[in-house]
């Protein structure tokens, strides 16, 4: 085992003790400083130890400052480092078992020498449990570090038993929150078009198209219809790929925008549950293959972008998931035209 160790002036004395302790055990220790009690900046030592671990020069790292806090924050800025401040052995054990921590942070001014050595021993001797739930959470941290925000959002979705609709009351409550936040940001005007894509399969924890649920559609569609009717907005409900993502709209919407009607009826497995319920609920439903909506709600990554007019602007919804389905939303704005002399309204 190879251990990289680093400390500022506040952790220098404890570093020297730990270094001697580990070498007595036959552990290869790489001392990255500091080498005296002269005042220094802790970030450089946190960075150095973190870099040594990530590069493979060391299996684990130990960082020490006065409290362990500042130097752990520094180490954690190195992508892939999971530095844990531990003040007792229980945290040290769980930092390894549950969090697969690869750097231990200690406070030279807050933790006694005897206890600190016990913490070091427990930390270095405890393996990561490898349990799926812990590995998933660690993967979420890595996804965020890599900028994979979509992967992170999907990884963090609540676990829903496949094929079983979430509790209708919880679903309705979450849907209401999503609609309130979306409506506040979309700022749709009467006569504009809202495109809805919704995979009820994804809501109940199945792959898109594999578990269409009329129960979910019956929970979600009525409150949305109430809103569009109150505000005078047209709703366009997108079907699945088996009908080329054609949409259910009201005849009045088709007439206003000069849309072209196509002949197909949405069915549970060729259109989806939400399109079926829209066809049943609209006053005069018709099907269209192309539309340019002013805003969109996508439940379950059904890819509604093909039906939104340019320029699409994302809407950030605080509720990231409905059931097990990832939520995305967007509004649109007119194109900005002209050059450097162009003037735009606020």
Protein backbone atom coordinates (compact mmCIF):
# COMPACT_ATOMS: atom_id res chain seq x y z
CA UNK A 1 0.00 0.00 0.00
CA UNK A 2 1.19 3.51 -0.86
CA UNK A 3 -0.08 6.54 1.06
CA UNK A 4 0.46 10.20 0.15
CA UNK A 5 0.36 12.54 3.14
CA UNK A 6 0.32 16.32 3.28
CA UNK A 7 -0.37 19.02 5.84
CA UNK A 8 -0.12 22.72 6.50
CA UNK A 9 1.55 24.19 9.59
CA UNK A 10 -1.50 23.37 11.72
CA UNK A 11 -1.20 19.69 10.85
CA UNK A 12 2.57 19.35 10.62
CA UNK A 13 3.12 17.71 14.03
CA UNK A 14 0.34 15.17 13.54
CA UNK A 15 1.61 14.44 10.03
CA UNK A 16 5.02 13.53 11.36
CA UNK A 17 3.50 11.19 13.94
CA UNK A 18 1.22 9.48 11.43
CA UNK A 19 4.06 9.13 8.93
CA UNK A 20 6.23 7.35 11.50
CA UNK A 21 3.30 5.16 12.57
CA UNK A 22 2.62 4.01 9.02
CA UNK A 23 6.25 3.36 8.19
CA UNK A 24 6.54 1.17 11.29
CA UNK A 25 3.73 -0.91 9.73
CA UNK A 26 5.70 -1.24 6.50
CA UNK A 27 3.48 1.13 4.54
CA UNK A 28 5.13 3.19 1.81
CA UNK A 29 4.50 6.87 2.73
CA UNK A 30 5.06 9.77 0.35
CA UNK A 31 5.45 13.01 2.34
CA UNK A 32 4.31 15.98 0.21
CA UNK A 33 4.92 18.60 2.92
CA UNK A 34 4.88 20.89 4.65
CA UNK A 35 8.18 20.26 6.39
CA UNK A 36 8.06 22.74 9.27
CA UNK A 37 5.66 24.73 11.44
CA UNK A 38 6.18 27.88 9.35
CA UNK A 39 2.87 29.32 8.14
CA UNK A 40 1.82 28.01 4.69
CA UNK A 41 -1.35 27.83 2.58
CA UNK A 42 -3.26 24.58 3.01
CA UNK A 43 -4.77 24.37 -0.53
CA UNK A 44 -1.45 23.49 -2.19
CA UNK A 45 -1.05 20.43 0.03
CA UNK A 46 -4.65 19.31 -0.49
CA UNK A 47 -4.15 19.64 -4.25
CA UNK A 48 -0.83 17.77 -4.11
CA UNK A 49 -2.18 14.79 -2.18
CA UNK A 50 -5.34 14.60 -4.30
CA UNK A 51 -3.28 14.68 -7.49
CA UNK A 52 -1.01 11.92 -6.21
CA UNK A 53 -3.98 9.65 -5.54
CA UNK A 54 -5.70 10.33 -8.87
CA UNK A 55 -2.46 9.84 -10.84
CA UNK A 56 -1.92 6.45 -9.23
CA UNK A 57 1.22 7.47 -7.34
CA UNK A 58 -0.63 6.60 -4.12
CA UNK A 59 -3.48 4.28 -3.20
CA UNK A 60 -4.80 6.60 -0.50
CA UNK A 61 -4.18 10.10 0.76
CA UNK A 62 -4.14 11.70 4.20
CA UNK A 63 -4.45 15.48 4.54
CA UNK A 64 -4.19 17.47 7.75
CA UNK A 65 -4.75 21.09 8.68
CA UNK A 66 -5.95 22.70 11.90
CA UNK A 67 -9.48 21.32 11.62
CA UNK A 68 -9.24 19.15 8.51
CA UNK A 69 -11.92 21.26 6.84
CA UNK A 70 -10.02 23.61 4.58
CA UNK A 71 -7.57 21.03 3.32
CA UNK A 72 -10.38 18.52 2.64
CA UNK A 73 -12.21 21.14 0.58
CA UNK A 74 -9.03 21.66 -1.42
CA UNK A 75 -8.48 17.94 -2.02
CA UNK A 76 -12.08 17.52 -3.13
CA UNK A 77 -11.53 20.01 -5.95
CA UNK A 78 -9.48 17.33 -7.72
CA UNK A 79 -11.98 15.34 -9.86
CA UNK A 80 -12.28 11.80 -8.55
CA UNK A 81 -11.18 12.63 -5.01
CA UNK A 82 -13.58 11.79 -2.20
CA UNK A 83 -11.99 13.29 0.91
CA UNK A 84 -13.74 12.68 4.23
CA UNK A 85 -13.13 14.61 7.46
CA UNK A 86 -13.25 12.07 10.29
CA UNK A 87 -13.16 12.83 14.00
CA UNK A 88 -13.87 9.27 15.22
CA UNK A 89 -13.48 5.72 13.96
CA UNK A 90 -17.16 5.14 13.11
CA UNK A 91 -17.07 7.86 10.44
CA UNK A 92 -13.73 6.54 9.19
CA UNK A 93 -15.18 3.07 8.70
CA UNK A 94 -18.33 4.27 6.93
CA UNK A 95 -16.36 6.70 4.79
CA UNK A 96 -14.67 3.65 3.29
CA UNK A 97 -17.54 1.14 3.39
CA UNK A 98 -20.25 3.43 2.02
CA UNK A 99 -18.49 6.33 0.29
CA UNK A 100 -15.32 4.64 -0.99
CA UNK A 101 -13.38 7.66 0.29
CA UNK A 102 -9.84 7.75 -1.03
CA UNK A 103 -8.51 10.62 1.11
CA UNK A 104 -8.75 10.94 4.89
CA UNK A 105 -8.80 14.46 6.37
CA UNK A 106 -7.84 15.11 9.98
CA UNK A 107 -7.63 18.15 12.25
CA UNK A 108 -4.29 18.53 13.97
CA UNK A 109 -5.75 20.97 16.50
CA UNK A 110 -8.96 19.09 17.28
CA UNK A 111 -8.09 15.37 17.31
CA UNK A 112 -5.74 13.78 19.82
CA UNK A 113 -2.79 11.74 18.59
CA UNK A 114 -4.02 8.39 19.91
CA UNK A 115 -7.46 8.80 18.39
CA UNK A 116 -6.00 10.08 15.12
CA UNK A 117 -3.85 6.95 14.77
CA UNK A 118 -6.90 4.74 15.41
CA UNK A 119 -8.83 6.65 12.75
CA UNK A 120 -5.99 6.21 10.25
CA UNK A 121 -5.80 2.45 10.92
CA UNK A 122 -9.56 1.95 10.54
CA UNK A 123 -9.67 4.03 7.37
CA UNK A 124 -6.82 2.19 5.66
CA UNK A 125 -7.96 -1.29 6.76
CA UNK A 126 -11.64 -0.96 5.78
CA UNK A 127 -12.60 -2.00 2.23
CA UNK A 128 -15.39 -0.47 0.18
CA UNK A 129 -18.53 -2.63 0.55
CA UNK A 130 -19.29 -2.54 -3.19
CA UNK A 131 -23.05 -2.58 -2.56
CA UNK A 132 -25.09 -1.41 -5.55
CA UNK A 133 -26.80 1.43 -3.68
CA UNK A 134 -23.46 2.89 -2.58
CA UNK A 135 -21.83 2.40 -5.98
CA UNK A 136 -24.77 4.16 -7.65
CA UNK A 137 -24.40 7.20 -5.41
CA UNK A 138 -20.66 7.38 -5.99
CA UNK A 139 -21.28 7.15 -9.74
CA UNK A 140 -23.64 10.13 -9.41
CA UNK A 141 -20.82 12.20 -7.94
CA UNK A 142 -18.55 11.17 -10.79
CA UNK A 143 -21.20 12.03 -13.37
CA UNK A 144 -21.52 15.51 -11.92
CA UNK A 145 -17.75 16.00 -11.98
CA UNK A 146 -17.71 15.00 -15.65
CA UNK A 147 -20.49 17.46 -16.47
CA UNK A 148 -22.93 14.66 -17.29
CA UNK A 149 -25.94 16.45 -15.82
CA UNK A 150 -28.46 14.38 -17.75
CA UNK A 151 -26.85 11.16 -16.54
CA UNK A 152 -26.91 12.54 -13.04
CA UNK A 153 -30.59 13.43 -13.25
CA UNK A 154 -31.49 9.96 -14.47
CA UNK A 155 -29.31 8.31 -11.85
CA UNK A 156 -31.04 10.24 -9.11
CA UNK A 157 -34.58 9.34 -10.11
CA UNK A 158 -36.64 7.75 -7.34
CA UNK A 159 -36.87 3.98 -7.54
CA UNK A 160 -40.31 2.88 -8.70
CA UNK A 161 -41.28 -0.77 -8.97
CA UNK A 162 -41.42 -1.59 -12.67
CA UNK A 163 -44.91 -1.58 -14.12
CA UNK A 164 -46.58 -0.26 -10.97
CA UNK A 165 -48.00 3.27 -11.03
CA UNK A 166 -46.76 5.52 -8.23
CA UNK A 167 -49.31 6.52 -5.63
CA UNK A 168 -51.87 8.73 -7.45
CA UNK A 169 -51.90 11.32 -4.67
CA UNK A 170 -48.11 11.72 -4.73
CA UNK A 171 -48.12 11.77 -8.52
CA UNK A 172 -50.82 14.44 -8.61
CA UNK A 173 -49.02 16.54 -6.01
CA UNK A 174 -45.71 16.43 -7.86
CA UNK A 175 -47.43 17.12 -11.18
CA UNK A 176 -49.14 20.16 -9.69
CA UNK A 177 -45.76 21.53 -8.54
CA UNK A 178 -44.30 20.97 -12.00
CA UNK A 179 -47.21 22.71 -13.72
CA UNK A 180 -47.10 25.70 -11.38
CA UNK A 181 -43.38 26.23 -11.91
CA UNK A 182 -43.57 25.62 -15.64
CA UNK A 183 -46.48 28.01 -16.13
CA UNK A 184 -44.73 30.75 -14.19
CA UNK A 185 -41.65 30.51 -16.43
CA UNK A 186 -43.18 29.66 -19.80
CA UNK A 187 -45.43 32.77 -19.81
CA UNK A 188 -47.69 31.33 -22.49
CA UNK A 189 -50.24 33.69 -24.03
CA UNK A 190 -53.76 32.80 -25.20
CA UNK A 191 -53.68 31.08 -28.56
CA UNK A 192 -50.14 29.79 -28.21
CA UNK A 193 -49.29 26.07 -28.35
CA UNK A 194 -47.98 23.87 -25.54
CA UNK A 195 -46.49 20.56 -26.69
CA UNK A 196 -46.68 17.69 -24.19
CA UNK A 197 -44.63 14.55 -24.55
CA UNK A 198 -45.30 11.99 -21.85
CA UNK A 199 -44.18 8.39 -21.55
CA UNK A 200 -46.44 6.84 -18.93
CA UNK A 201 -44.16 3.78 -19.17
CA UNK A 202 -41.24 5.81 -17.85
CA UNK A 203 -43.41 7.21 -15.06
CA UNK A 204 -44.07 3.68 -13.78
CA UNK A 205 -40.43 2.67 -14.05
CA UNK A 206 -40.43 0.80 -17.36
CA UNK A 207 -38.60 1.57 -20.57
CA UNK A 208 -40.40 3.93 -22.89
CA UNK A 209 -43.13 2.13 -24.84
CA UNK A 210 -43.08 -0.98 -22.65
CA UNK A 211 -45.73 -0.28 -20.02
CA UNK A 212 -48.25 2.37 -21.09
CA UNK A 213 -50.54 3.26 -18.18
CA UNK A 214 -53.99 4.72 -18.67
CA UNK A 215 -54.14 5.21 -14.89
CA UNK A 216 -51.17 7.59 -15.04
CA UNK A 217 -52.67 9.43 -18.03
CA UNK A 218 -55.96 9.81 -16.19
CA UNK A 219 -54.10 11.36 -13.26
CA UNK A 220 -51.99 13.79 -15.28
CA UNK A 221 -54.16 15.00 -18.16
CA UNK A 222 -57.17 16.57 -16.36
CA UNK A 223 -55.22 19.19 -14.33
CA UNK A 224 -53.25 20.11 -17.44
CA UNK A 225 -56.44 20.48 -19.48
CA UNK A 226 -57.88 22.72 -16.77
CA UNK A 227 -54.88 25.03 -17.08
CA UNK A 228 -54.83 25.24 -20.86
CA UNK A 229 -58.56 25.92 -20.97
CA UNK A 230 -58.35 28.60 -18.28
CA UNK A 231 -55.52 30.38 -20.10
CA UNK A 232 -56.72 29.90 -23.67
CA UNK A 233 -53.63 27.91 -24.65
CA UNK A 234 -53.76 25.09 -27.21
CA UNK A 235 -52.45 21.70 -26.04
CA UNK A 236 -50.71 19.36 -28.50
CA UNK A 237 -50.11 15.85 -27.13
CA UNK A 238 -47.33 13.98 -28.88
CA UNK A 239 -47.72 10.30 -29.67
CA UNK A 240 -44.90 7.77 -29.78
CA UNK A 241 -42.55 6.87 -32.62
CA UNK A 242 -44.93 4.20 -33.95
CA UNK A 243 -47.14 6.98 -35.30
CA UNK A 244 -44.15 9.17 -36.24
CA UNK A 245 -44.69 11.27 -33.13
CA UNK A 246 -47.90 12.70 -34.57
CA UNK A 247 -49.85 14.92 -32.20
CA UNK A 248 -53.41 15.19 -30.96
CA UNK A 249 -54.69 18.76 -31.21
CA UNK A 250 -58.04 20.52 -31.18
CA UNK A 251 -59.64 21.32 -34.55
CA UNK A 252 -59.50 24.99 -33.53
CA UNK A 253 -55.70 24.78 -33.25
CA UNK A 254 -55.44 23.18 -36.69
CA UNK A 255 -57.62 25.92 -38.19
CA UNK A 256 -55.77 28.80 -36.51
CA UNK A 257 -52.31 27.68 -37.58
CA UNK A 258 -53.20 26.10 -40.93
CA UNK A 259 -51.91 22.68 -39.89
CA UNK A 260 -52.20 19.59 -42.09
CA UNK A 261 -54.39 16.80 -40.75
CA UNK A 262 -53.21 13.19 -41.01
CA UNK A 263 -55.19 9.98 -40.64
CA UNK A 264 -54.32 7.78 -37.69
CA UNK A 265 -55.90 6.97 -34.35
CA UNK A 266 -53.69 6.87 -31.25
CA UNK A 267 -53.76 3.48 -29.53
CA UNK A 268 -52.22 2.27 -26.30
CA UNK A 269 -49.22 0.67 -28.02
CA UNK A 270 -49.08 2.92 -31.09
CA UNK A 271 -49.38 6.41 -29.74
CA UNK A 272 -49.37 5.86 -26.01
CA UNK A 273 -51.73 6.28 -23.08
CA UNK A 274 -51.51 10.07 -22.94
CA UNK A 275 -52.38 10.48 -26.62
CA UNK A 276 -55.29 8.05 -26.18
CA UNK A 277 -56.68 10.05 -23.24
CA UNK A 278 -56.21 13.32 -25.13
CA UNK A 279 -58.18 11.94 -28.08
CA UNK A 280 -60.96 10.97 -25.68
CA UNK A 281 -60.89 14.30 -23.80
CA UNK A 282 -60.56 16.95 -26.52
CA UNK A 283 -63.73 18.58 -27.85
CA UNK A 284 -62.87 18.04 -31.55
CA UNK A 285 -59.60 16.07 -31.73
CA UNK A 286 -57.59 15.77 -34.91
CA UNK A 287 -54.13 14.38 -35.64
CA UNK A 288 -51.30 16.39 -37.15
CA UNK A 289 -47.79 15.28 -38.03
CA UNK A 290 -46.05 18.65 -37.80
CA UNK A 291 -46.43 21.59 -35.46
CA UNK A 292 -44.31 24.40 -34.05
CA UNK A 293 -45.12 24.83 -30.38
CA UNK A 294 -44.30 27.85 -28.24
CA UNK A 295 -43.34 25.77 -25.17
CA UNK A 296 -42.99 22.15 -24.21
CA UNK A 297 -43.13 19.71 -21.32
CA UNK A 298 -41.35 16.38 -21.72
CA UNK A 299 -42.02 13.61 -19.20
CA UNK A 300 -39.73 10.64 -19.75
CA UNK A 301 -37.40 11.95 -22.47
CA UNK A 302 -39.80 11.57 -25.41
CA UNK A 303 -37.90 14.18 -27.48
CA UNK A 304 -40.43 16.90 -28.21
CA UNK A 305 -37.81 19.27 -29.64
CA UNK A 306 -38.82 18.40 -33.21
CA UNK A 307 -42.17 20.07 -32.51
CA UNK A 308 -40.91 23.33 -30.98
CA UNK A 309 -40.27 26.51 -32.93
CA UNK A 310 -36.88 28.18 -32.75
CA UNK A 311 -35.33 29.46 -30.57
CA UNK A 312 -35.71 26.89 -27.77
CA UNK A 313 -34.78 28.01 -24.25
CA UNK A 314 -34.63 25.47 -21.39
CA UNK A 315 -36.82 25.89 -18.33
CA UNK A 316 -35.33 24.61 -15.08
CA UNK A 317 -37.90 22.73 -13.00
CA UNK A 318 -37.06 22.07 -9.36
CA UNK A 319 -38.93 18.73 -9.44
CA UNK A 320 -36.54 16.61 -11.52
CA UNK A 321 -38.74 13.55 -11.86
CA UNK A 322 -42.36 12.44 -12.01
CA UNK A 323 -42.56 8.90 -10.73
CA UNK A 324 -39.45 7.44 -12.38
CA UNK A 325 -39.64 9.72 -15.45
CA UNK A 326 -37.10 12.47 -16.03
CA UNK A 327 -38.64 15.93 -16.52
CA UNK A 328 -37.44 18.48 -19.06
CA UNK A 329 -39.17 21.67 -20.10
CA UNK A 330 -38.64 24.50 -22.56
CA UNK A 331 -40.04 27.74 -23.86
CA UNK A 332 -39.23 29.48 -27.12
CA UNK A 333 -38.37 33.03 -28.12
CA UNK A 334 -38.21 34.86 -31.45
CA UNK A 335 -34.90 34.83 -33.28
CA UNK A 336 -32.59 37.77 -32.71
CA UNK A 337 -31.78 39.24 -36.12
CA UNK A 338 -29.42 41.94 -37.33
CA UNK A 339 -25.81 42.67 -36.59
CA UNK A 340 -23.75 44.68 -34.18
CA UNK A 341 -25.95 47.76 -34.65
CA UNK A 342 -29.20 45.95 -33.96
CA UNK A 343 -31.25 47.04 -30.95
CA UNK A 344 -33.39 44.54 -29.05
CA UNK A 345 -36.22 45.05 -26.51
CA UNK A 346 -35.50 44.15 -22.91
